Amino acid sequence: MTELQINTTQNVKIAFKAAGIGERLVAFFIDFILIIIYYLVVIANFGYYEDADVWVYIAIRSLLWFPIFFYSVVQEILFEGQTLGKRLMKIKVVKIDGFQATFSDYLVRWFLRIPDIWLFGIGCFVVIFSKNLQRLGDMAAGTGVISLKDKVNINHTILEQLKTDYKPTYPNVIKLSDNDARIIKDTFTRARSAKDYATLIKLRNKLIEVVGIKEVKQSSDIEFIDVILKDYNFYTQDM
């Protein structure tokens, strides 16, 4: 399994499973089949009429080809990094620097489909030998394709197991967002497993600052961060 390291705007590294060449090829062929169906149903049945103006005919036929030419780039923009094929295969285009991919990023990936896919399928070889399983379009746009198929359990989400009589300590945790809590938990889990105390200290200090905590009531950084996550779940579980 190849991991794709995403650096978030909070300078936190999150590892995702990079989509394999097989998944990407299947997604491509699903999209290709959909394009063929569109061609057979719409374009192939669009006939030329003797009394029709030739330029009108050319203009209409050109317009009918637009969905084929711009299929992938339009869908990735509308579905935030996914085409119908990618959605079915549960893979997605993401920006490696942690920002949301922009129109220009998708456009660069689409434009470089010419050498990647249609020029002897060079993109397949580039993906196979690339460290992050990127094709030329991904390298140019600073993007990667991740798999969304990872099995998820409570340790991979922002959820925390709370006792029925749990009493929260820090009500100000509602200042955090779900995305904040997810990043905090991911960083906390990794730092605790690696015994990275420097990261735990930085995370504690950042939480104290952002949440606005006047007095820390726990004796250790690990206990404090664990309480923050539990409190967040307590206050947001019914929202």
Foldseek 3Di string as FASTA:
>chain_A
DAWAWAQAPVRFTDTFAFDDLVLVVQLVVVVVVVVVVLCVVPVVPDDDDPPDDPVVSVVVSVVSCVCVLCVQLVQCQVVQADHPSCVVSQKGKQARHRDRQDSVLSVLLSVVCCCCPVVVNVQSVCLVPPSQSGGPSCVVSRMGMGHPPDDDDCLQALDDDDDPPDDADQLLLLLDDRVRSNSLSSQLVVCVVVVVVVSLVVSQVVCCVSSVPDDQPDDDSNVRSVRSSVSNCVVPVVD
